[in-house]
Amino acid sequence: MNENDKIQLEEDLILFLFDKNAIKIGNFTLSSGRKSRFYLDLRILQSYPLYFRKTISLLKTLIHSQIGLESFDYLCSVPTSGTVFGSALSYELFKPHIYVRKDLKNYGTQKKIEGALEPNSKILFVDDVITTGQSILTAVESLSNNSVVSGVVVLIDRQQGSQNLFDQFTLKIKSAITIHRIIDILNDNARINKNEYDRIKEELVES
C-alpha cells in the first residue's frame, strides 16, 4: 500500500466510523473514570466486513512497515474488542494468536492465558483503542514470566498518556490512526464544528 492509498483509507474509515456513530462527540465517562469529550466504540466494525477489512489492512501495513514479522512470534489481545482484531490479524499474517483474560475464570481449567503459548516467545499486543494503557499493561505483567513483549499495536491511540506509562517498561506503541488525525479529518469534512474541534484539542493538551 503506497502512502496516498493509506491516507485515503484512513480518511474513508474515519468518516465511516463517525457516520455510524462509532466516533461520538459529547460528554462521556470512560472506564478509567476520566471525563472526555469524545468516545470511540469500534465493536461496530465487525458488522461491516468491507470496513473491517480496511481496518485490518491498515494494521497489517503498520506491522509490516514499522514492526516487522520477524520481531514477534505471537499476537496477543485482551478481550473483548481487541480479540476481534487480534484473531483477524493472526489469520492474515499467519501468526499464532493468544489472549489474556482480564480476570481468572472460576470454572473449567481456570486459565488466564488462552491459547498454546511456547515459553520465551516474543509477543506483540494488539488492541483497537488505547487510552491509559493500563489494561494492556496488566496483561503484559501476566505474561512476564514466560515471554518477552516486543511492543503494542493499536488501531487508534487516544494520545492521553499511555506512552508515558509504557516508557517506564520500555514498550512502544505503534498506532494506525491518532485522535489528532481523527479530529483533523472530521473538521476538514465538516463533521464537527470549530468549537467541538477546539474543545477536544484542549482536552488532549491537558492529558
N, C-alpha and C. Protein backbone atom coordinates (compact mmCIF):
# COMPACT_ATOMS: atom_id res chain seq x y z
N MET A 1 0.84 -1.19 0.00
CA MET A 1 0.00 0.00 0.00
C MET A 1 0.88 1.25 0.00
N ASN A 2 0.70 2.13 -1.00
CA ASN A 2 1.50 3.34 -1.01
C ASN A 2 0.91 4.38 -0.06
N GLU A 3 1.66 5.48 0.13
CA GLU A 3 1.26 6.46 1.13
C GLU A 3 -0.06 7.14 0.79
N ASN A 4 -0.30 7.42 -0.47
CA ASN A 4 -1.56 8.05 -0.86
C ASN A 4 -2.75 7.13 -0.61
N ASP A 5 -2.59 5.85 -0.90
CA ASP A 5 -3.66 4.88 -0.62
C ASP A 5 -3.93 4.79 0.87
N LYS A 6 -2.87 4.81 1.65
CA LYS A 6 -3.00 4.74 3.10
C LYS A 6 -3.76 5.96 3.64
N ILE A 7 -3.42 7.14 3.17
CA ILE A 7 -4.08 8.36 3.61
C ILE A 7 -5.57 8.33 3.26
N GLN A 8 -5.88 7.88 2.04
CA GLN A 8 -7.28 7.80 1.63
C GLN A 8 -8.05 6.76 2.44
N LEU A 9 -7.40 5.64 2.73
CA LEU A 9 -8.03 4.59 3.51
C LEU A 9 -8.33 5.07 4.92
N GLU A 10 -7.40 5.79 5.52
CA GLU A 10 -7.63 6.35 6.86
C GLU A 10 -8.83 7.29 6.85
N GLU A 11 -8.88 8.17 5.86
CA GLU A 11 -9.99 9.13 5.79
C GLU A 11 -11.32 8.43 5.60
N ASP A 12 -11.37 7.47 4.71
CA ASP A 12 -12.61 6.71 4.48
C ASP A 12 -13.08 6.04 5.76
N LEU A 13 -12.16 5.42 6.48
CA LEU A 13 -12.50 4.71 7.71
C LEU A 13 -12.98 5.66 8.80
N ILE A 14 -12.29 6.79 8.96
CA ILE A 14 -12.67 7.76 9.99
C ILE A 14 -14.07 8.31 9.73
N LEU A 15 -14.35 8.69 8.50
CA LEU A 15 -15.66 9.24 8.17
C LEU A 15 -16.76 8.19 8.32
N PHE A 16 -16.46 6.96 7.94
CA PHE A 16 -17.42 5.87 8.13
C PHE A 16 -17.74 5.68 9.60
N LEU A 17 -16.71 5.62 10.44
CA LEU A 17 -16.92 5.41 11.87
C LEU A 17 -17.73 6.54 12.49
N PHE A 18 -17.47 7.75 12.07
CA PHE A 18 -18.24 8.88 12.60
C PHE A 18 -19.70 8.79 12.14
N ASP A 19 -19.91 8.52 10.87
CA ASP A 19 -21.28 8.46 10.34
C ASP A 19 -22.08 7.31 10.95
N LYS A 20 -21.39 6.27 11.39
CA LYS A 20 -22.06 5.13 12.04
C LYS A 20 -22.13 5.30 13.56
N ASN A 21 -21.75 6.46 14.05
CA ASN A 21 -21.81 6.78 15.48
C ASN A 21 -20.85 5.95 16.32
N ALA A 22 -19.79 5.45 15.69
CA ALA A 22 -18.74 4.74 16.43
C ALA A 22 -17.71 5.72 16.99
N ILE A 23 -17.65 6.91 16.41
CA ILE A 23 -16.92 8.03 16.98
C ILE A 23 -17.96 9.03 17.44
N LYS A 24 -18.06 9.24 18.74
CA LYS A 24 -19.10 10.08 19.30
C LYS A 24 -18.48 11.34 19.92
N ILE A 25 -19.15 12.46 19.73
CA ILE A 25 -18.73 13.72 20.33
C ILE A 25 -19.77 14.13 21.35
N GLY A 26 -19.33 14.50 22.56
CA GLY A 26 -20.26 14.89 23.62
C GLY A 26 -19.55 14.93 24.95
N ASN A 27 -20.21 14.42 25.97
CA ASN A 27 -19.62 14.34 27.31
C ASN A 27 -19.75 12.91 27.80
N PHE A 28 -18.63 12.27 28.07
CA PHE A 28 -18.61 10.85 28.41
C PHE A 28 -17.72 10.59 29.62
N THR A 29 -18.01 9.48 30.31
CA THR A 29 -17.15 8.98 31.36
C THR A 29 -16.54 7.68 30.87
N LEU A 30 -15.22 7.62 30.81
CA LEU A 30 -14.53 6.43 30.32
C LEU A 30 -14.44 5.38 31.42
N SER A 31 -14.02 4.17 31.06
CA SER A 31 -13.91 3.08 32.03
C SER A 31 -12.92 3.41 33.14
N SER A 32 -11.97 4.27 32.85
CA SER A 32 -10.98 4.68 33.85
C SER A 32 -11.55 5.70 34.84
N GLY A 33 -12.74 6.21 34.54
CA GLY A 33 -13.33 7.26 35.36
C GLY A 33 -13.07 8.66 34.83
N ARG A 34 -12.21 8.75 33.85
CA ARG A 34 -11.87 10.04 33.25
C ARG A 34 -13.04 10.59 32.44
N LYS A 35 -13.24 11.90 32.49
CA LYS A 35 -14.24 12.56 31.67
C LYS A 35 -13.62 12.88 30.31
N SER A 36 -14.43 12.76 29.26
CA SER A 36 -13.92 13.02 27.92
C SER A 36 -15.00 13.61 27.03
N ARG A 37 -14.57 14.38 26.03
CA ARG A 37 -15.49 14.99 25.06
C ARG A 37 -15.66 14.12 23.83
N PHE A 38 -15.03 12.95 23.82
CA PHE A 38 -15.22 12.05 22.68
C PHE A 38 -15.15 10.61 23.16
N TYR A 39 -15.80 9.74 22.41
CA TYR A 39 -15.85 8.33 22.78
C TYR A 39 -15.72 7.49 21.51
N LEU A 40 -14.98 6.40 21.60
CA LEU A 40 -14.75 5.51 20.46
C LEU A 40 -15.29 4.12 20.79
N ASP A 41 -16.14 3.61 19.93
CA ASP A 41 -16.69 2.26 20.10
C ASP A 41 -16.54 1.53 18.78
N LEU A 42 -15.42 0.80 18.64
CA LEU A 42 -15.10 0.17 17.36
C LEU A 42 -15.67 -1.23 17.20
N ARG A 43 -16.46 -1.67 18.17
CA ARG A 43 -17.07 -3.01 18.07
C ARG A 43 -18.00 -3.11 16.86
N ILE A 44 -18.48 -1.98 16.40
CA ILE A 44 -19.39 -1.97 15.26
C ILE A 44 -18.72 -2.48 13.98
N LEU A 45 -17.39 -2.39 13.91
CA LEU A 45 -16.68 -2.74 12.68
C LEU A 45 -16.91 -4.17 12.24
N GLN A 46 -17.05 -5.09 13.19
CA GLN A 46 -17.21 -6.49 12.84
C GLN A 46 -18.51 -6.76 12.08
N SER A 47 -19.43 -5.81 12.14
CA SER A 47 -20.71 -5.95 11.42
C SER A 47 -20.66 -5.38 10.01
N TYR A 48 -19.53 -4.80 9.63
CA TYR A 48 -19.36 -4.22 8.30
C TYR A 48 -18.08 -4.78 7.68
N PRO A 49 -18.19 -5.92 7.00
CA PRO A 49 -17.00 -6.62 6.50
C PRO A 49 -16.06 -5.77 5.65
N LEU A 50 -16.60 -4.91 4.80
CA LEU A 50 -15.74 -4.10 3.94
C LEU A 50 -14.84 -3.19 4.77
N TYR A 51 -15.42 -2.52 5.74
CA TYR A 51 -14.63 -1.59 6.56
C TYR A 51 -13.79 -2.33 7.60
N PHE A 52 -14.24 -3.50 7.99
CA PHE A 52 -13.40 -4.32 8.87
C PHE A 52 -12.14 -4.75 8.12
N ARG A 53 -12.29 -5.12 6.84
CA ARG A 53 -11.13 -5.49 6.03
C ARG A 53 -10.20 -4.30 5.84
N LYS A 54 -10.76 -3.11 5.67
CA LYS A 54 -9.93 -1.91 5.55
C LYS A 54 -9.14 -1.69 6.84
N THR A 55 -9.78 -1.92 7.96
CA THR A 55 -9.12 -1.77 9.25
C THR A 55 -7.95 -2.73 9.38
N ILE A 56 -8.19 -3.98 9.07
CA ILE A 56 -7.14 -5.00 9.16
C ILE A 56 -6.01 -4.68 8.18
N SER A 57 -6.36 -4.15 7.01
CA SER A 57 -5.34 -3.77 6.04
C SER A 57 -4.44 -2.67 6.59
N LEU A 58 -5.02 -1.70 7.27
CA LEU A 58 -4.22 -0.63 7.89
C LEU A 58 -3.28 -1.20 8.95
N LEU A 59 -3.79 -2.11 9.77
CA LEU A 59 -2.97 -2.69 10.82
C LEU A 59 -1.86 -3.56 10.23
N LYS A 60 -2.17 -4.31 9.18
CA LYS A 60 -1.15 -5.13 8.51
C LYS A 60 -0.03 -4.25 7.95
N THR A 61 -0.42 -3.16 7.31
CA THR A 61 0.56 -2.24 6.75
C THR A 61 1.46 -1.67 7.85
N LEU A 62 0.85 -1.32 8.97
CA LEU A 62 1.60 -0.78 10.10
C LEU A 62 2.61 -1.81 10.62
N ILE A 63 2.18 -3.05 10.76
CA ILE A 63 3.06 -4.10 11.28
C ILE A 63 4.21 -4.37 10.32
N HIS A 64 3.91 -4.46 9.04
CA HIS A 64 4.95 -4.72 8.05
C HIS A 64 5.97 -3.58 7.99
N SER A 65 5.49 -2.34 8.03
CA SER A 65 6.37 -1.19 7.79
C SER A 65 7.12 -0.73 9.03
N GLN A 66 6.53 -0.88 10.22
CA GLN A 66 7.14 -0.30 11.42
C GLN A 66 7.56 -1.32 12.48
N ILE A 67 7.14 -2.56 12.32
CA ILE A 67 7.46 -3.56 13.34
C ILE A 67 8.24 -4.72 12.75
N GLY A 68 7.72 -5.32 11.70
CA GLY A 68 8.39 -6.45 11.06
C GLY A 68 7.91 -7.79 11.61
N LEU A 69 7.63 -8.72 10.73
CA LEU A 69 7.12 -10.02 11.16
C LEU A 69 8.14 -10.81 11.96
N GLU A 70 9.41 -10.54 11.75
CA GLU A 70 10.46 -11.29 12.45
C GLU A 70 10.62 -10.86 13.90
N SER A 71 9.98 -9.75 14.29
CA SER A 71 10.19 -9.23 15.65
C SER A 71 9.23 -9.82 16.68
N PHE A 72 8.30 -10.69 16.25
CA PHE A 72 7.40 -11.31 17.21
C PHE A 72 6.99 -12.69 16.74
N ASP A 73 6.65 -13.54 17.72
CA ASP A 73 6.21 -14.91 17.44
C ASP A 73 4.70 -15.07 17.55
N TYR A 74 4.09 -14.30 18.47
CA TYR A 74 2.66 -14.40 18.74
C TYR A 74 2.01 -13.02 18.72
N LEU A 75 0.74 -13.00 18.34
CA LEU A 75 -0.11 -11.85 18.57
C LEU A 75 -0.92 -12.12 19.82
N CYS A 76 -1.11 -11.10 20.64
CA CYS A 76 -1.86 -11.27 21.87
C CYS A 76 -2.85 -10.12 22.02
N SER A 77 -4.04 -10.41 22.48
CA SER A 77 -5.05 -9.38 22.69
C SER A 77 -5.69 -9.54 24.06
N VAL A 78 -6.47 -8.51 24.42
CA VAL A 78 -7.22 -8.52 25.68
C VAL A 78 -8.70 -8.47 25.32
N PRO A 79 -9.52 -9.43 25.80
CA PRO A 79 -10.94 -9.42 25.47
C PRO A 79 -11.62 -8.13 25.97
N THR A 80 -12.69 -7.68 25.27
CA THR A 80 -13.26 -8.46 24.18
C THR A 80 -12.92 -7.88 22.80
N SER A 81 -13.00 -6.57 22.70
CA SER A 81 -12.88 -5.96 21.38
C SER A 81 -11.51 -6.21 20.74
N GLY A 82 -10.45 -6.20 21.54
CA GLY A 82 -9.12 -6.43 20.99
C GLY A 82 -8.98 -7.79 20.35
N THR A 83 -9.72 -8.77 20.85
CA THR A 83 -9.62 -10.14 20.34
C THR A 83 -10.17 -10.25 18.92
N VAL A 84 -11.15 -9.43 18.60
CA VAL A 84 -11.70 -9.42 17.24
C VAL A 84 -10.60 -9.06 16.24
N PHE A 85 -9.81 -8.05 16.57
CA PHE A 85 -8.75 -7.60 15.67
C PHE A 85 -7.54 -8.55 15.71
N GLY A 86 -7.22 -9.04 16.90
CA GLY A 86 -6.10 -9.96 17.04
C GLY A 86 -6.30 -11.24 16.26
N SER A 87 -7.51 -11.79 16.31
CA SER A 87 -7.81 -13.03 15.60
C SER A 87 -7.71 -12.84 14.09
N ALA A 88 -8.25 -11.73 13.60
CA ALA A 88 -8.22 -11.46 12.16
C ALA A 88 -6.78 -11.26 11.67
N LEU A 89 -5.98 -10.54 12.44
CA LEU A 89 -4.58 -10.32 12.07
C LEU A 89 -3.79 -11.62 12.11
N SER A 90 -4.10 -12.47 13.06
CA SER A 90 -3.45 -13.77 13.15
C SER A 90 -3.66 -14.56 11.86
N TYR A 91 -4.88 -14.54 11.37
CA TYR A 91 -5.21 -15.24 10.12
C TYR A 91 -4.46 -14.63 8.94
N GLU A 92 -4.45 -13.30 8.85
CA GLU A 92 -3.83 -12.61 7.73
C GLU A 92 -2.31 -12.73 7.72
N LEU A 93 -1.70 -12.70 8.89
CA LEU A 93 -0.24 -12.70 8.99
C LEU A 93 0.34 -14.09 9.20
N PHE A 94 -0.54 -15.07 9.38
CA PHE A 94 -0.12 -16.44 9.66
C PHE A 94 0.76 -16.51 10.90
N LYS A 95 0.30 -15.80 11.94
CA LYS A 95 0.97 -15.80 13.24
C LYS A 95 -0.02 -16.33 14.28
N PRO A 96 0.44 -17.16 15.23
CA PRO A 96 -0.47 -17.65 16.26
C PRO A 96 -1.00 -16.53 17.15
N HIS A 97 -2.20 -16.73 17.65
CA HIS A 97 -2.86 -15.73 18.47
C HIS A 97 -3.20 -16.32 19.84
N ILE A 98 -2.99 -15.53 20.87
CA ILE A 98 -3.43 -15.87 22.23
C ILE A 98 -4.16 -14.67 22.79
N TYR A 99 -4.87 -14.88 23.88
CA TYR A 99 -5.42 -13.72 24.57
C TYR A 99 -5.35 -13.92 26.08
N VAL A 100 -5.32 -12.80 26.78
CA VAL A 100 -5.19 -12.80 28.24
C VAL A 100 -6.48 -12.31 28.85
N ARG A 101 -7.10 -13.15 29.66
CA ARG A 101 -8.33 -12.74 30.33
C ARG A 101 -8.06 -11.63 31.35
N LYS A 102 -9.01 -10.72 31.49
CA LYS A 102 -8.87 -9.67 32.49
C LYS A 102 -8.95 -10.25 33.90
N ASP A 103 -9.80 -11.26 34.05
CA ASP A 103 -9.96 -11.91 35.35
C ASP A 103 -9.84 -13.42 35.17
N LEU A 104 -9.26 -14.08 36.16
CA LEU A 104 -9.15 -15.54 36.13
C LEU A 104 -10.54 -16.15 36.25
N LYS A 105 -10.92 -16.99 35.30
CA LYS A 105 -12.25 -17.60 35.38
C LYS A 105 -12.28 -18.62 36.51
N ASN A 106 -13.43 -18.75 37.14
CA ASN A 106 -13.55 -19.63 38.31
C ASN A 106 -14.24 -20.95 37.96
N TYR A 107 -14.11 -21.36 36.72
CA TYR A 107 -14.70 -22.63 36.29
C TYR A 107 -13.79 -23.25 35.23
N GLY A 108 -14.06 -24.51 34.88
CA GLY A 108 -13.28 -25.19 33.85
C GLY A 108 -11.81 -25.29 34.23
N THR A 109 -10.93 -24.92 33.29
CA THR A 109 -9.49 -25.04 33.52
C THR A 109 -8.91 -23.88 34.31
N GLN A 110 -9.72 -22.83 34.52
CA GLN A 110 -9.31 -21.66 35.31
C GLN A 110 -8.01 -21.03 34.78
N LYS A 111 -7.91 -20.97 33.45
CA LYS A 111 -6.72 -20.37 32.84
C LYS A 111 -6.94 -18.87 32.62
N LYS A 112 -5.86 -18.11 32.75
CA LYS A 112 -5.92 -16.69 32.42
C LYS A 112 -5.41 -16.44 31.00
N ILE A 113 -4.45 -17.24 30.55
CA ILE A 113 -3.92 -17.12 29.19
C ILE A 113 -4.53 -18.22 28.33
N GLU A 114 -5.24 -17.82 27.27
CA GLU A 114 -5.90 -18.79 26.40
C GLU A 114 -5.12 -18.93 25.10
N GLY A 115 -4.81 -20.17 24.74
CA GLY A 115 -4.02 -20.47 23.56
C GLY A 115 -2.79 -21.26 23.94
N ALA A 116 -2.10 -21.77 22.94
CA ALA A 116 -0.90 -22.58 23.18
C ALA A 116 0.34 -21.70 23.06
N LEU A 117 0.81 -21.19 24.18
CA LEU A 117 1.95 -20.27 24.21
C LEU A 117 3.23 -21.02 24.57
N GLU A 118 4.21 -20.97 23.67
CA GLU A 118 5.50 -21.57 23.94
C GLU A 118 6.33 -20.65 24.85
N PRO A 119 7.06 -21.20 25.82
CA PRO A 119 7.87 -20.37 26.71
C PRO A 119 8.91 -19.55 25.94
N ASN A 120 9.22 -18.38 26.48
CA ASN A 120 10.25 -17.49 25.94
C ASN A 120 9.93 -16.96 24.53
N SER A 121 8.66 -16.87 24.22
CA SER A 121 8.24 -16.35 22.93
C SER A 121 8.18 -14.82 22.96
N LYS A 122 8.27 -14.22 21.77
CA LYS A 122 8.14 -12.77 21.63
C LYS A 122 6.69 -12.43 21.28
N ILE A 123 6.12 -11.50 22.04
CA ILE A 123 4.69 -11.20 21.94
C ILE A 123 4.47 -9.78 21.43
N LEU A 124 3.55 -9.64 20.47
CA LEU A 124 3.09 -8.33 20.03
C LEU A 124 1.63 -8.19 20.43
N PHE A 125 1.34 -7.19 21.28
CA PHE A 125 -0.03 -6.94 21.71
C PHE A 125 -0.79 -6.17 20.65
N VAL A 126 -2.07 -6.52 20.50
CA VAL A 126 -2.96 -5.85 19.54
C VAL A 126 -4.22 -5.40 20.27
N ASP A 127 -4.62 -4.15 20.01
CA ASP A 127 -5.88 -3.66 20.58
C ASP A 127 -6.52 -2.69 19.61
N ASP A 128 -7.80 -2.39 19.85
CA ASP A 128 -8.48 -1.45 18.96
C ASP A 128 -8.20 0.00 19.36
N VAL A 129 -8.37 0.31 20.63
CA VAL A 129 -8.19 1.67 21.13
C VAL A 129 -7.33 1.62 22.39
N ILE A 130 -6.44 2.59 22.54
CA ILE A 130 -5.67 2.69 23.78
C ILE A 130 -5.83 4.09 24.36
N THR A 131 -6.09 4.13 25.68
CA THR A 131 -6.23 5.41 26.38
C THR A 131 -5.11 5.54 27.40
N THR A 132 -5.30 4.94 28.56
CA THR A 132 -4.23 4.97 29.57
C THR A 132 -3.23 3.84 29.38
N GLY A 133 -3.68 2.73 28.75
CA GLY A 133 -2.81 1.58 28.55
C GLY A 133 -2.77 0.62 29.73
N GLN A 134 -3.57 0.89 30.76
CA GLN A 134 -3.48 0.09 31.98
C GLN A 134 -3.92 -1.36 31.76
N SER A 135 -4.97 -1.57 30.97
CA SER A 135 -5.45 -2.94 30.77
C SER A 135 -4.42 -3.78 30.03
N ILE A 136 -3.74 -3.18 29.05
CA ILE A 136 -2.69 -3.91 28.34
C ILE A 136 -1.51 -4.16 29.26
N LEU A 137 -1.16 -3.17 30.07
CA LEU A 137 -0.03 -3.34 30.97
C LEU A 137 -0.29 -4.48 31.97
N THR A 138 -1.51 -4.60 32.44
CA THR A 138 -1.88 -5.70 33.33
C THR A 138 -1.69 -7.04 32.63
N ALA A 139 -2.09 -7.10 31.35
CA ALA A 139 -1.91 -8.33 30.58
C ALA A 139 -0.43 -8.62 30.34
N VAL A 140 0.35 -7.57 30.08
CA VAL A 140 1.80 -7.73 29.91
C VAL A 140 2.42 -8.36 31.14
N GLU A 141 2.01 -7.89 32.30
CA GLU A 141 2.55 -8.43 33.55
C GLU A 141 2.17 -9.89 33.74
N SER A 142 1.01 -10.29 33.21
CA SER A 142 0.59 -11.70 33.31
C SER A 142 1.47 -12.61 32.48
N LEU A 143 2.10 -12.06 31.44
CA LEU A 143 2.94 -12.85 30.54
C LEU A 143 4.43 -12.77 30.86
N SER A 144 4.79 -11.93 31.82
CA SER A 144 6.20 -11.60 32.04
C SER A 144 7.06 -12.78 32.44
N ASN A 145 6.47 -13.82 33.00
CA ASN A 145 7.27 -14.96 33.47
C ASN A 145 7.68 -15.92 32.36
N ASN A 146 6.96 -15.90 31.24
CA ASN A 146 7.28 -16.90 30.22
C ASN A 146 7.33 -16.35 28.80
N SER A 147 7.51 -15.02 28.66
CA SER A 147 7.59 -14.45 27.32
C SER A 147 8.23 -13.07 27.37
N VAL A 148 8.51 -12.53 26.19
CA VAL A 148 9.05 -11.19 26.06
C VAL A 148 8.08 -10.38 25.21
N VAL A 149 7.59 -9.28 25.74
CA VAL A 149 6.66 -8.44 24.99
C VAL A 149 7.45 -7.45 24.15
N SER A 150 7.27 -7.53 22.83
CA SER A 150 8.09 -6.72 21.92
C SER A 150 7.45 -5.39 21.56
N GLY A 151 6.18 -5.22 21.86
CA GLY A 151 5.53 -3.95 21.55
C GLY A 151 4.03 -4.05 21.56
N VAL A 152 3.39 -2.92 21.22
CA VAL A 152 1.93 -2.83 21.21
C VAL A 152 1.51 -2.13 19.92
N VAL A 153 0.54 -2.70 19.22
CA VAL A 153 -0.01 -2.07 18.03
C VAL A 153 -1.51 -1.87 18.23
N VAL A 154 -1.99 -0.66 17.92
CA VAL A 154 -3.41 -0.35 18.09
C VAL A 154 -3.94 0.34 16.85
N LEU A 155 -5.24 0.23 16.67
CA LEU A 155 -5.85 0.95 15.55
C LEU A 155 -5.86 2.45 15.85
N ILE A 156 -6.36 2.83 17.04
CA ILE A 156 -6.46 4.25 17.38
C ILE A 156 -5.83 4.51 18.74
N ASP A 157 -4.94 5.48 18.78
CA ASP A 157 -4.34 5.96 20.02
C ASP A 157 -5.02 7.27 20.41
N ARG A 158 -5.65 7.27 21.58
CA ARG A 158 -6.30 8.49 22.06
C ARG A 158 -5.29 9.54 22.52
N GLN A 159 -4.03 9.17 22.61
CA GLN A 159 -2.94 10.08 22.95
C GLN A 159 -3.21 10.81 24.29
N GLN A 160 -3.54 9.99 25.27
CA GLN A 160 -3.86 10.56 26.58
C GLN A 160 -3.05 9.90 27.70
N GLY A 161 -1.75 9.72 27.43
CA GLY A 161 -0.85 9.32 28.49
C GLY A 161 -0.35 7.90 28.45
N SER A 162 -0.84 7.07 27.52
CA SER A 162 -0.43 5.66 27.53
C SER A 162 1.06 5.50 27.26
N GLN A 163 1.62 6.30 26.33
CA GLN A 163 3.04 6.14 26.02
C GLN A 163 3.92 6.53 27.19
N ASN A 164 3.49 7.52 27.97
CA ASN A 164 4.25 7.90 29.17
C ASN A 164 4.32 6.74 30.15
N LEU A 165 3.21 6.03 30.28
CA LEU A 165 3.18 4.85 31.16
C LEU A 165 4.07 3.75 30.60
N PHE A 166 3.96 3.48 29.31
CA PHE A 166 4.71 2.38 28.70
C PHE A 166 6.21 2.67 28.64
N ASP A 167 6.59 3.93 28.62
CA ASP A 167 8.01 4.27 28.60
C ASP A 167 8.74 3.71 29.82
N GLN A 168 8.01 3.57 30.93
CA GLN A 168 8.61 3.03 32.15
C GLN A 168 8.99 1.56 31.98
N PHE A 169 8.37 0.91 30.99
CA PHE A 169 8.61 -0.52 30.75
C PHE A 169 9.28 -0.73 29.38
N THR A 170 9.80 0.37 28.82
CA THR A 170 10.47 0.36 27.51
C THR A 170 9.62 -0.31 26.43
N LEU A 171 8.32 -0.05 26.48
CA LEU A 171 7.41 -0.56 25.46
C LEU A 171 6.96 0.59 24.57
N LYS A 172 6.92 0.36 23.27
CA LYS A 172 6.50 1.37 22.32
C LYS A 172 5.12 1.03 21.75
N ILE A 173 4.30 2.08 21.61
CA ILE A 173 3.00 1.94 20.98
C ILE A 173 3.10 2.39 19.53
N LYS A 174 2.62 1.55 18.63
CA LYS A 174 2.51 1.93 17.23
C LYS A 174 1.02 1.97 16.89
N SER A 175 0.54 3.10 16.40
CA SER A 175 -0.88 3.24 16.09
C SER A 175 -1.09 3.51 14.61
N ALA A 176 -2.18 2.95 14.07
CA ALA A 176 -2.52 3.22 12.68
C ALA A 176 -3.09 4.62 12.51
N ILE A 177 -3.85 5.07 13.52
CA ILE A 177 -4.51 6.37 13.48
C ILE A 177 -4.43 7.00 14.87
N THR A 178 -4.22 8.30 14.93
CA THR A 178 -4.24 9.02 16.21
C THR A 178 -5.50 9.87 16.31
N ILE A 179 -5.84 10.24 17.53
CA ILE A 179 -7.03 11.08 17.72
C ILE A 179 -6.84 12.45 17.07
N HIS A 180 -5.61 12.95 17.03
CA HIS A 180 -5.38 14.22 16.33
C HIS A 180 -5.73 14.10 14.85
N ARG A 181 -5.35 12.98 14.25
CA ARG A 181 -5.68 12.74 12.84
C ARG A 181 -7.20 12.66 12.66
N ILE A 182 -7.87 12.02 13.59
CA ILE A 182 -9.32 11.87 13.50
C ILE A 182 -10.02 13.23 13.53
N ILE A 183 -9.68 14.06 14.49
CA ILE A 183 -10.41 15.33 14.59
C ILE A 183 -10.04 16.28 13.44
N ASP A 184 -8.84 16.15 12.91
CA ASP A 184 -8.48 16.94 11.74
C ASP A 184 -9.35 16.56 10.54
N ILE A 185 -9.52 15.26 10.33
CA ILE A 185 -10.34 14.77 9.22
C ILE A 185 -11.80 15.18 9.42
N LEU A 186 -12.31 15.02 10.64
CA LEU A 186 -13.71 15.38 10.91
C LEU A 186 -13.94 16.87 10.72
N ASN A 187 -12.98 17.67 11.14
CA ASN A 187 -13.11 19.12 10.98
C ASN A 187 -13.03 19.51 9.50
N ASP A 188 -12.10 18.93 8.77
CA ASP A 188 -11.93 19.25 7.35
C ASP A 188 -13.15 18.85 6.52
N ASN A 189 -13.87 17.83 6.98
CA ASN A 189 -15.03 17.34 6.25
C ASN A 189 -16.36 17.77 6.88
N ALA A 190 -16.29 18.80 7.72
CA ALA A 190 -17.49 19.42 8.30
C ALA A 190 -18.35 18.45 9.12
N ARG A 191 -17.71 17.43 9.71
CA ARG A 191 -18.45 16.53 10.59
C ARG A 191 -18.54 17.10 12.01
N ILE A 192 -17.55 17.90 12.40
CA ILE A 192 -17.60 18.60 13.68
C ILE A 192 -17.35 20.09 13.41
N ASN A 193 -17.84 20.93 14.34
CA ASN A 193 -17.63 22.36 14.15
C ASN A 193 -16.35 22.82 14.86
N LYS A 194 -16.01 24.09 14.67
CA LYS A 194 -14.76 24.62 15.22
C LYS A 194 -14.74 24.55 16.74
N ASN A 195 -15.88 24.77 17.37
CA ASN A 195 -15.94 24.73 18.84
C ASN A 195 -15.66 23.32 19.35
N GLU A 196 -16.26 22.32 18.73
CA GLU A 196 -16.02 20.93 19.13
C GLU A 196 -14.56 20.55 18.90
N TYR A 197 -14.03 20.96 17.78
CA TYR A 197 -12.63 20.69 17.46
C TYR A 197 -11.70 21.29 18.53
N ASP A 198 -11.93 22.54 18.88
CA ASP A 198 -11.07 23.23 19.85
C ASP A 198 -11.19 22.61 21.24
N ARG A 199 -12.38 22.20 21.62
CA ARG A 199 -12.58 21.61 22.95
C ARG A 199 -11.85 20.26 23.07
N ILE A 200 -11.87 19.47 22.00
CA ILE A 200 -11.14 18.20 22.04
C ILE A 200 -9.64 18.44 22.05
N LYS A 201 -9.18 19.39 21.25
CA LYS A 201 -7.75 19.74 21.26
C LYS A 201 -7.31 20.17 22.65
N GLU A 202 -8.14 20.93 23.32
CA GLU A 202 -7.83 21.37 24.68
C GLU A 202 -7.74 20.19 25.63
N GLU A 203 -8.65 19.24 25.49
CA GLU A 203 -8.61 18.04 26.34
C GLU A 203 -7.32 17.27 26.12
N LEU A 204 -6.90 17.14 24.88
CA LEU A 204 -5.67 16.40 24.57
C LEU A 204 -4.44 17.09 25.15
N VAL A 205 -4.42 18.41 25.11
CA VAL A 205 -3.29 19.16 25.69
C VAL A 205 -3.23 18.95 27.20
N GLU A 206 -4.40 18.84 27.83
CA GLU A 206 -4.45 18.69 29.29
C GLU A 206 -4.12 17.28 29.73
N SER A 207 -4.18 16.31 28.82
CA SER A 207 -3.97 14.90 29.20
C SER A 207 -2.52 14.62 29.57
